[in-house]
C-alpha atoms as a PDB file:
ATOM      1  CA  MET A   1     132.285 -86.929-117.926  1.00  0.00           C
ATOM      2  CA  ARG A   2     133.954 -90.238-117.243  1.00  0.00           C
ATOM      3  CA  CYS A   3     135.723 -91.435-114.139  1.00  0.00           C
ATOM      4  CA  GLY A   4     139.371 -90.368-114.088  1.00  0.00           C
ATOM      5  CA  SER A   5     138.980 -87.630-116.692  1.00  0.00           C
ATOM      6  CA  LYS A   6     141.196 -84.548-116.599  1.00  0.00           C
ATOM      7  CA  CYS A   7     141.358 -81.248-118.435  1.00  0.00           C
ATOM      8  CA  PHE A   8     143.975 -80.963-121.170  1.00  0.00           C
ATOM      9  CA  LEU A   9     145.034 -77.856-123.084  1.00  0.00           C
ATOM     10  CA  VAL A  10     145.470 -78.731-126.748  1.00  0.00           C
ATOM     11  CA  GLU A  11     147.490 -76.353-128.900  1.00  0.00           C
ATOM     12  CA  MET A  12     146.709 -76.838-132.575  1.00  0.00           C
ATOM     13  CA  LYS A  13     147.275 -75.155-135.900  1.00  0.00           C
ATOM     14  CA  ARG A  14     144.101 -74.546-137.909  1.00  0.00           C
ATOM     15  CA  ASN A  15     143.684 -72.295-140.941  1.00  0.00           C
ATOM     16  CA  GLY A  16     147.222 -70.939-140.439  1.00  0.00           C
ATOM     17  CA  MET A  17     146.484 -69.784-136.878  1.00  0.00           C
ATOM     18  CA  THR A  18     147.538 -71.365-133.573  1.00  0.00           C
ATOM     19  CA  GLU A  19     144.688 -72.020-131.126  1.00  0.00           C
ATOM     20  CA  THR A  20     144.603 -73.399-127.578  1.00  0.00           C
ATOM     21  CA  ILE A  21     141.462 -75.310-126.636  1.00  0.00           C
ATOM     22  CA  PRO A  22     140.567 -76.994-123.306  1.00  0.00           C
ATOM     23  CA  VAL A  23     139.462 -80.637-123.705  1.00  0.00           C
ATOM     24  CA  THR A  24     138.157 -83.074-121.074  1.00  0.00           C
ATOM     25  CA  ALA A  25     139.582 -86.577-121.538  1.00  0.00           C
ATOM     26  CA  ARG A  26     141.218 -89.429-119.635  1.00  0.00           C
ATOM     27  CA  SER A  27     144.606 -89.222-121.369  1.00  0.00           C
ATOM     28  CA  PRO A  28     146.501 -87.080-123.877  1.00  0.00           C
ATOM     29  CA  ILE A  29     145.686 -89.665-126.552  1.00  0.00           C
ATOM     30  CA  GLY A  30     141.973 -89.299-125.780  1.00  0.00           C
ATOM     31  CA  ALA A  31     142.287 -85.509-126.047  1.00  0.00           C
ATOM     32  CA  ARG A  32     143.869 -85.879-129.492  1.00  0.00           C
ATOM     33  CA  LYS A  33     141.021 -88.161-130.580  1.00  0.00           C
ATOM     34  CA  VAL A  34     138.416 -85.620-129.438  1.00  0.00           C
ATOM     35  CA  ILE A  35     140.125 -82.837-131.425  1.00  0.00           C
ATOM     36  CA  ARG A  36     140.407 -84.970-134.568  1.00  0.00           C
ATOM     37  CA  ASN A  37     136.744 -85.987-134.382  1.00  0.00           C
ATOM     38  CA  GLU A  38     135.525 -82.450-133.734  1.00  0.00           C
ATOM     39  CA  TYR A  39     137.731 -80.377-136.062  1.00  0.00           C
ATOM     40  CA  ALA A  40     138.603 -82.885-138.848  1.00  0.00           C
ATOM     41  CA  GLU A  41     141.638 -85.068-139.246  1.00  0.00           C
ATOM     42  CA  ASN A  42     143.727 -82.548-141.196  1.00  0.00           C
ATOM     43  CA  VAL A  43     144.286 -80.311-138.141  1.00  0.00           C
ATOM     44  CA  GLU A  44     147.899 -80.224-136.967  1.00  0.00           C
ATOM     45  CA  ILE A  45     148.089 -80.850-133.193  1.00  0.00           C
ATOM     46  CA  LEU A  46     151.212 -79.212-131.772  1.00  0.00           C
ATOM     47  CA  VAL A  47     151.096 -79.772-127.971  1.00  0.00           C
ATOM     48  CA  VAL A  48     148.832 -81.535-125.468  1.00  0.00           C
ATOM     49  CA  LYS A  49     149.409 -80.506-121.822  1.00  0.00           C
ATOM     50  CA  GLU A  50     147.523 -81.366-118.665  1.00  0.00           C
ATOM     51  CA  GLU A  51     145.970 -78.282-117.090  1.00  0.00           C
ATOM     52  CA  LYS A  52     147.196 -77.872-113.536  1.00  0.00           C
ATOM     53  CA  ARG A  53     144.574 -77.228-110.888  1.00  0.00           C
ATOM     54  CA  LYS A  54     145.017 -74.228-108.638  1.00  0.00           C
END
């Protein structure tokens, strides 16, 4: 974990199904990069939101 990292909820469409996955990154752009590297570049990312702490 890097300094300044936050938890983002990434909603993506994979294999015709919509999934929401938590990702730890510094910015929404970093969260998108993590998803593309992990799940392949042909995944359609719909929404990236910062998870609010309780």
